[in-house]
């Protein structure tokens, strides 16, 4: 029986180390794009609010709240599921880097925090009806793909991060609509 999660991980991660441009693209997605997404979000907030400081503060509060709730849910799921990082389970993977404090976080692979944060930024931009929100979707997908490509997450971890972000965004959308 084929483990689809492991199979997809090996296919995507197996591409690393063969092309320096693809490696640079994958590593950027895995590490840095989420920071660029945050900058993009802030510019969109500034433009949507017509330089309105209270709107900007409220938008940032919504993003921080959804991010913190998502991060808490990620940790609860991680403690329940307890899936180790790919570099512990799949010694032939092509890891590009290891997480900060690898001895502390090598056990936490599911769900992906980077993916959850990147999709939280995207969903929050949609909830707030910010202009130029849709390119954030492609950047969030790049982050998820980059995490697998770099060898620090399985595809299932990416789906888990996406699901947590979507659940938190749905709750935030509901609260914003009725409060």
C-alpha atoms as a PDB file:
ATOM      1  CA  UNK A   1       0.000   0.000   0.000  1.00  0.00           C
ATOM      2  CA  UNK A   2       1.377   3.406  -1.001  1.00  0.00           C
ATOM      3  CA  UNK A   3       1.667   6.149   1.588  1.00  0.00           C
ATOM      4  CA  UNK A   4       0.547   9.104  -0.565  1.00  0.00           C
ATOM      5  CA  UNK A   5       1.983  11.677   1.860  1.00  0.00           C
ATOM      6  CA  UNK A   6       5.437  10.076   1.743  1.00  0.00           C
ATOM      7  CA  UNK A   7       5.224   9.450  -2.005  1.00  0.00           C
ATOM      8  CA  UNK A   8       4.416  13.105  -2.775  1.00  0.00           C
ATOM      9  CA  UNK A   9       7.092  14.276  -0.353  1.00  0.00           C
ATOM     10  CA  UNK A  10       9.731  12.161  -2.094  1.00  0.00           C
ATOM     11  CA  UNK A  11       8.633  13.373  -5.550  1.00  0.00           C
ATOM     12  CA  UNK A  12       8.723  17.065  -4.608  1.00  0.00           C
ATOM     13  CA  UNK A  13      11.766  16.916  -2.338  1.00  0.00           C
ATOM     14  CA  UNK A  14      13.574  14.695  -4.833  1.00  0.00           C
ATOM     15  CA  UNK A  15      13.779  17.687  -7.182  1.00  0.00           C
ATOM     16  CA  UNK A  16      16.003  19.617  -4.772  1.00  0.00           C
ATOM     17  CA  UNK A  17      19.722  19.737  -5.340  1.00  0.00           C
ATOM     18  CA  UNK A  18      19.415  19.340  -9.124  1.00  0.00           C
ATOM     19  CA  UNK A  19      18.957  22.934 -10.262  1.00  0.00           C
ATOM     20  CA  UNK A  20      20.337  25.934  -8.409  1.00  0.00           C
ATOM     21  CA  UNK A  21      17.547  28.246  -9.642  1.00  0.00           C
ATOM     22  CA  UNK A  22      14.830  25.864  -8.497  1.00  0.00           C
ATOM     23  CA  UNK A  23      16.680  25.433  -5.204  1.00  0.00           C
ATOM     24  CA  UNK A  24      16.753  29.215  -4.722  1.00  0.00           C
ATOM     25  CA  UNK A  25      13.046  29.427  -5.580  1.00  0.00           C
ATOM     26  CA  UNK A  26      12.211  26.600  -3.168  1.00  0.00           C
ATOM     27  CA  UNK A  27      14.283  27.982  -0.328  1.00  0.00           C
ATOM     28  CA  UNK A  28      12.802  31.469  -0.788  1.00  0.00           C
ATOM     29  CA  UNK A  29       9.320  29.988  -0.550  1.00  0.00           C
ATOM     30  CA  UNK A  30      10.248  27.932   2.475  1.00  0.00           C
ATOM     31  CA  UNK A  31      11.831  30.745   4.458  1.00  0.00           C
ATOM     32  CA  UNK A  32      11.295  34.288   3.209  1.00  0.00           C
ATOM     33  CA  UNK A  33       8.099  34.660   1.170  1.00  0.00           C
ATOM     34  CA  UNK A  34       5.868  34.728   4.262  1.00  0.00           C
ATOM     35  CA  UNK A  35       7.684  37.909   5.377  1.00  0.00           C
ATOM     36  CA  UNK A  36       7.050  39.463   1.955  1.00  0.00           C
ATOM     37  CA  UNK A  37       3.391  38.481   2.284  1.00  0.00           C
ATOM     38  CA  UNK A  38       3.172  40.385   5.527  1.00  0.00           C
ATOM     39  CA  UNK A  39       4.603  43.464   3.801  1.00  0.00           C
ATOM     40  CA  UNK A  40       2.156  43.046   0.917  1.00  0.00           C
ATOM     41  CA  UNK A  41      -0.710  42.779   3.426  1.00  0.00           C
ATOM     42  CA  UNK A  42       0.357  46.003   5.165  1.00  0.00           C
ATOM     43  CA  UNK A  43       0.557  47.899   1.874  1.00  0.00           C
ATOM     44  CA  UNK A  44      -2.904  46.604   0.902  1.00  0.00           C
ATOM     45  CA  UNK A  45      -4.287  47.720   4.282  1.00  0.00           C
ATOM     46  CA  UNK A  46      -2.789  51.167   3.821  1.00  0.00           C
ATOM     47  CA  UNK A  47      -4.256  51.490   0.316  1.00  0.00           C
ATOM     48  CA  UNK A  48      -7.692  50.107   1.243  1.00  0.00           C
ATOM     49  CA  UNK A  49      -8.049  52.425   4.199  1.00  0.00           C
ATOM     50  CA  UNK A  50      -7.057  55.490   2.207  1.00  0.00           C
ATOM     51  CA  UNK A  51      -4.368  56.127   4.797  1.00  0.00           C
ATOM     52  CA  UNK A  52      -6.921  55.735   7.612  1.00  0.00           C
ATOM     53  CA  UNK A  53      -4.984  54.851  10.792  1.00  0.00           C
ATOM     54  CA  UNK A  54      -7.944  53.307  12.721  1.00  0.00           C
ATOM     55  CA  UNK A  55      -8.718  50.992   9.773  1.00  0.00           C
ATOM     56  CA  UNK A  56      -5.052  49.981   9.581  1.00  0.00           C
ATOM     57  CA  UNK A  57      -4.895  49.260  13.313  1.00  0.00           C
ATOM     58  CA  UNK A  58      -8.110  47.190  13.185  1.00  0.00           C
ATOM     59  CA  UNK A  59      -6.844  45.226  10.198  1.00  0.00           C
ATOM     60  CA  UNK A  60      -3.565  44.441  11.913  1.00  0.00           C
ATOM     61  CA  UNK A  61      -5.445  43.437  15.067  1.00  0.00           C
ATOM     62  CA  UNK A  62      -7.556  40.989  13.054  1.00  0.00           C
ATOM     63  CA  UNK A  63      -4.443  39.509  11.435  1.00  0.00           C
ATOM     64  CA  UNK A  64      -2.612  39.167  14.753  1.00  0.00           C
ATOM     65  CA  UNK A  65      -5.647  37.612  16.455  1.00  0.00           C
ATOM     66  CA  UNK A  66      -6.244  35.079  13.684  1.00  0.00           C
ATOM     67  CA  UNK A  67      -2.535  34.267  13.530  1.00  0.00           C
ATOM     68  CA  UNK A  68      -2.311  33.679  17.281  1.00  0.00           C
ATOM     69  CA  UNK A  69      -5.449  31.529  17.377  1.00  0.00           C
ATOM     70  CA  UNK A  70      -4.154  29.540  14.394  1.00  0.00           C
ATOM     71  CA  UNK A  71      -0.767  29.103  16.015  1.00  0.00           C
ATOM     72  CA  UNK A  72      -2.407  27.851  19.235  1.00  0.00           C
ATOM     73  CA  UNK A  73      -4.498  25.365  17.235  1.00  0.00           C
ATOM     74  CA  UNK A  74      -1.361  24.223  15.387  1.00  0.00           C
ATOM     75  CA  UNK A  75       0.354  23.465  18.693  1.00  0.00           C
ATOM     76  CA  UNK A  76      -2.665  21.611  20.071  1.00  0.00           C
ATOM     77  CA  UNK A  77      -2.805  19.481  16.905  1.00  0.00           C
ATOM     78  CA  UNK A  78       0.964  18.931  17.020  1.00  0.00           C
ATOM     79  CA  UNK A  79       0.789  17.698  20.594  1.00  0.00           C
ATOM     80  CA  UNK A  80      -2.021  15.305  19.679  1.00  0.00           C
ATOM     81  CA  UNK A  81      -0.582  13.986  16.399  1.00  0.00           C
ATOM     82  CA  UNK A  82       3.145  14.233  17.239  1.00  0.00           C
ATOM     83  CA  UNK A  83       4.569  13.744  13.744  1.00  0.00           C
ATOM     84  CA  UNK A  84       8.377  14.045  13.448  1.00  0.00           C
ATOM     85  CA  UNK A  85      10.047  16.125  10.738  1.00  0.00           C
ATOM     86  CA  UNK A  86      10.897  14.379   7.447  1.00  0.00           C
ATOM     87  CA  UNK A  87      14.643  14.485   8.084  1.00  0.00           C
ATOM     88  CA  UNK A  88      14.085  12.070  10.982  1.00  0.00           C
ATOM     89  CA  UNK A  89      11.840   9.646   9.079  1.00  0.00           C
ATOM     90  CA  UNK A  90      13.244   9.829   5.559  1.00  0.00           C
ATOM     91  CA  UNK A  91      17.043   9.828   5.711  1.00  0.00           C
ATOM     92  CA  UNK A  92      17.387  10.040   1.905  1.00  0.00           C
ATOM     93  CA  UNK A  93      15.548  13.357   1.668  1.00  0.00           C
ATOM     94  CA  UNK A  94      17.332  16.428   0.359  1.00  0.00           C
ATOM     95  CA  UNK A  95      16.960  18.860   3.203  1.00  0.00           C
ATOM     96  CA  UNK A  96      18.062  22.396   2.462  1.00  0.00           C
ATOM     97  CA  UNK A  97      18.076  23.485   6.112  1.00  0.00           C
ATOM     98  CA  UNK A  98      16.785  22.444   9.494  1.00  0.00           C
ATOM     99  CA  UNK A  99      14.420  24.454  11.663  1.00  0.00           C
ATOM    100  CA  UNK A 100      15.698  26.795  14.366  1.00  0.00           C
ATOM    101  CA  UNK A 101      16.370  24.883  17.554  1.00  0.00           C
ATOM    102  CA  UNK A 102      16.227  21.529  15.711  1.00  0.00           C
ATOM    103  CA  UNK A 103      16.471  19.465  18.878  1.00  0.00           C
ATOM    104  CA  UNK A 104      13.485  21.328  20.311  1.00  0.00           C
ATOM    105  CA  UNK A 105      11.169  21.236  17.276  1.00  0.00           C
ATOM    106  CA  UNK A 106      12.207  18.117  15.361  1.00  0.00           C
ATOM    107  CA  UNK A 107       9.109  16.345  16.616  1.00  0.00           C
ATOM    108  CA  UNK A 108       6.688  19.031  15.301  1.00  0.00           C
ATOM    109  CA  UNK A 109       5.940  18.641  11.639  1.00  0.00           C
ATOM    110  CA  UNK A 110       2.135  18.612  11.507  1.00  0.00           C
ATOM    111  CA  UNK A 111       0.656  21.143  10.811  1.00  0.00           C
ATOM    112  CA  UNK A 112       3.013  23.582   9.139  1.00  0.00           C
ATOM    113  CA  UNK A 113       3.200  26.921  10.964  1.00  0.00           C
ATOM    114  CA  UNK A 114       4.639  28.734   7.926  1.00  0.00           C
ATOM    115  CA  UNK A 115       1.798  27.503   5.742  1.00  0.00           C
ATOM    116  CA  UNK A 116      -0.800  28.357   8.361  1.00  0.00           C
ATOM    117  CA  UNK A 117       0.569  31.902   8.709  1.00  0.00           C
ATOM    118  CA  UNK A 118       0.787  32.445   4.951  1.00  0.00           C
ATOM    119  CA  UNK A 119      -2.798  31.307   4.361  1.00  0.00           C
ATOM    120  CA  UNK A 120      -3.954  33.302   7.392  1.00  0.00           C
ATOM    121  CA  UNK A 121      -2.529  36.421   5.746  1.00  0.00           C
ATOM    122  CA  UNK A 122      -4.342  35.553   2.502  1.00  0.00           C
ATOM    123  CA  UNK A 123      -7.689  34.746   4.142  1.00  0.00           C
ATOM    124  CA  UNK A 124      -7.544  37.832   6.374  1.00  0.00           C
ATOM    125  CA  UNK A 125      -6.932  40.013   3.321  1.00  0.00           C
ATOM    126  CA  UNK A 126     -10.010  38.471   1.686  1.00  0.00           C
ATOM    127  CA  UNK A 127     -12.143  38.921   4.800  1.00  0.00           C
ATOM    128  CA  UNK A 128     -11.175  42.591   4.970  1.00  0.00           C
ATOM    129  CA  UNK A 129     -11.832  43.028   1.221  1.00  0.00           C
ATOM    130  CA  UNK A 130      -8.349  44.406   0.644  1.00  0.00           C
ATOM    131  CA  UNK A 131      -7.313  45.295  -2.905  1.00  0.00           C
ATOM    132  CA  UNK A 132      -4.721  43.034  -4.516  1.00  0.00           C
ATOM    133  CA  UNK A 133      -5.514  40.140  -2.144  1.00  0.00           C
ATOM    134  CA  UNK A 134      -5.541  37.357  -4.727  1.00  0.00           C
ATOM    135  CA  UNK A 135      -1.794  37.358  -5.487  1.00  0.00           C
ATOM    136  CA  UNK A 136      -1.341  36.398  -1.837  1.00  0.00           C
ATOM    137  CA  UNK A 137      -2.888  33.009  -2.711  1.00  0.00           C
ATOM    138  CA  UNK A 138      -0.050  32.218  -5.089  1.00  0.00           C
ATOM    139  CA  UNK A 139       2.505  33.356  -2.533  1.00  0.00           C
ATOM    140  CA  UNK A 140       0.896  31.132   0.136  1.00  0.00           C
ATOM    141  CA  UNK A 141       1.000  28.159  -2.242  1.00  0.00           C
ATOM    142  CA  UNK A 142       4.664  28.954  -2.906  1.00  0.00           C
ATOM    143  CA  UNK A 143       5.338  28.846   0.845  1.00  0.00           C
ATOM    144  CA  UNK A 144       3.663  25.441   1.194  1.00  0.00           C
ATOM    145  CA  UNK A 145       5.452  23.990  -1.816  1.00  0.00           C
ATOM    146  CA  UNK A 146       8.765  25.439  -0.636  1.00  0.00           C
ATOM    147  CA  UNK A 147       8.433  23.797   2.778  1.00  0.00           C
ATOM    148  CA  UNK A 148       8.082  20.374   1.148  1.00  0.00           C
ATOM    149  CA  UNK A 149      10.756  21.093  -1.450  1.00  0.00           C
ATOM    150  CA  UNK A 150      13.201  22.105   1.293  1.00  0.00           C
ATOM    151  CA  UNK A 151      12.557  18.863   3.163  1.00  0.00           C
ATOM    152  CA  UNK A 152      11.106  20.269   6.379  1.00  0.00           C
ATOM    153  CA  UNK A 153       7.445  19.239   5.930  1.00  0.00           C
ATOM    154  CA  UNK A 154       5.308  16.560   4.337  1.00  0.00           C
ATOM    155  CA  UNK A 155       2.487  17.565   1.956  1.00  0.00           C
ATOM    156  CA  UNK A 156      -0.016  16.533   4.647  1.00  0.00           C
ATOM    157  CA  UNK A 157       1.536  19.097   6.987  1.00  0.00           C
ATOM    158  CA  UNK A 158       0.857  21.759   4.365  1.00  0.00           C
ATOM    159  CA  UNK A 159      -2.766  20.661   4.026  1.00  0.00           C
ATOM    160  CA  UNK A 160      -3.052  20.759   7.825  1.00  0.00           C
ATOM    161  CA  UNK A 161      -1.694  24.313   7.971  1.00  0.00           C
ATOM    162  CA  UNK A 162      -4.111  25.348   5.225  1.00  0.00           C
ATOM    163  CA  UNK A 163      -7.054  23.731   7.059  1.00  0.00           C
ATOM    164  CA  UNK A 164      -6.223  25.474  10.340  1.00  0.00           C
ATOM    165  CA  UNK A 165      -5.946  28.837   8.544  1.00  0.00           C
ATOM    166  CA  UNK A 166      -9.247  28.268   6.774  1.00  0.00           C
ATOM    167  CA  UNK A 167     -11.018  27.305  10.009  1.00  0.00           C
ATOM    168  CA  UNK A 168      -9.684  30.317  11.887  1.00  0.00           C
ATOM    169  CA  UNK A 169     -10.560  32.606   8.964  1.00  0.00           C
ATOM    170  CA  UNK A 170     -14.110  31.245   8.884  1.00  0.00           C
ATOM    171  CA  UNK A 171     -14.509  31.976  12.583  1.00  0.00           C
ATOM    172  CA  UNK A 172     -12.991  35.443  12.156  1.00  0.00           C
ATOM    173  CA  UNK A 173     -15.267  36.161   9.201  1.00  0.00           C
ATOM    174  CA  UNK A 174     -18.296  35.144  11.224  1.00  0.00           C
ATOM    175  CA  UNK A 175     -17.240  37.298  14.181  1.00  0.00           C
ATOM    176  CA  UNK A 176     -16.509  40.319  11.991  1.00  0.00           C
ATOM    177  CA  UNK A 177     -19.854  39.981  10.234  1.00  0.00           C
ATOM    178  CA  UNK A 178     -21.922  39.738  13.427  1.00  0.00           C
ATOM    179  CA  UNK A 179     -19.991  41.932  15.846  1.00  0.00           C
END
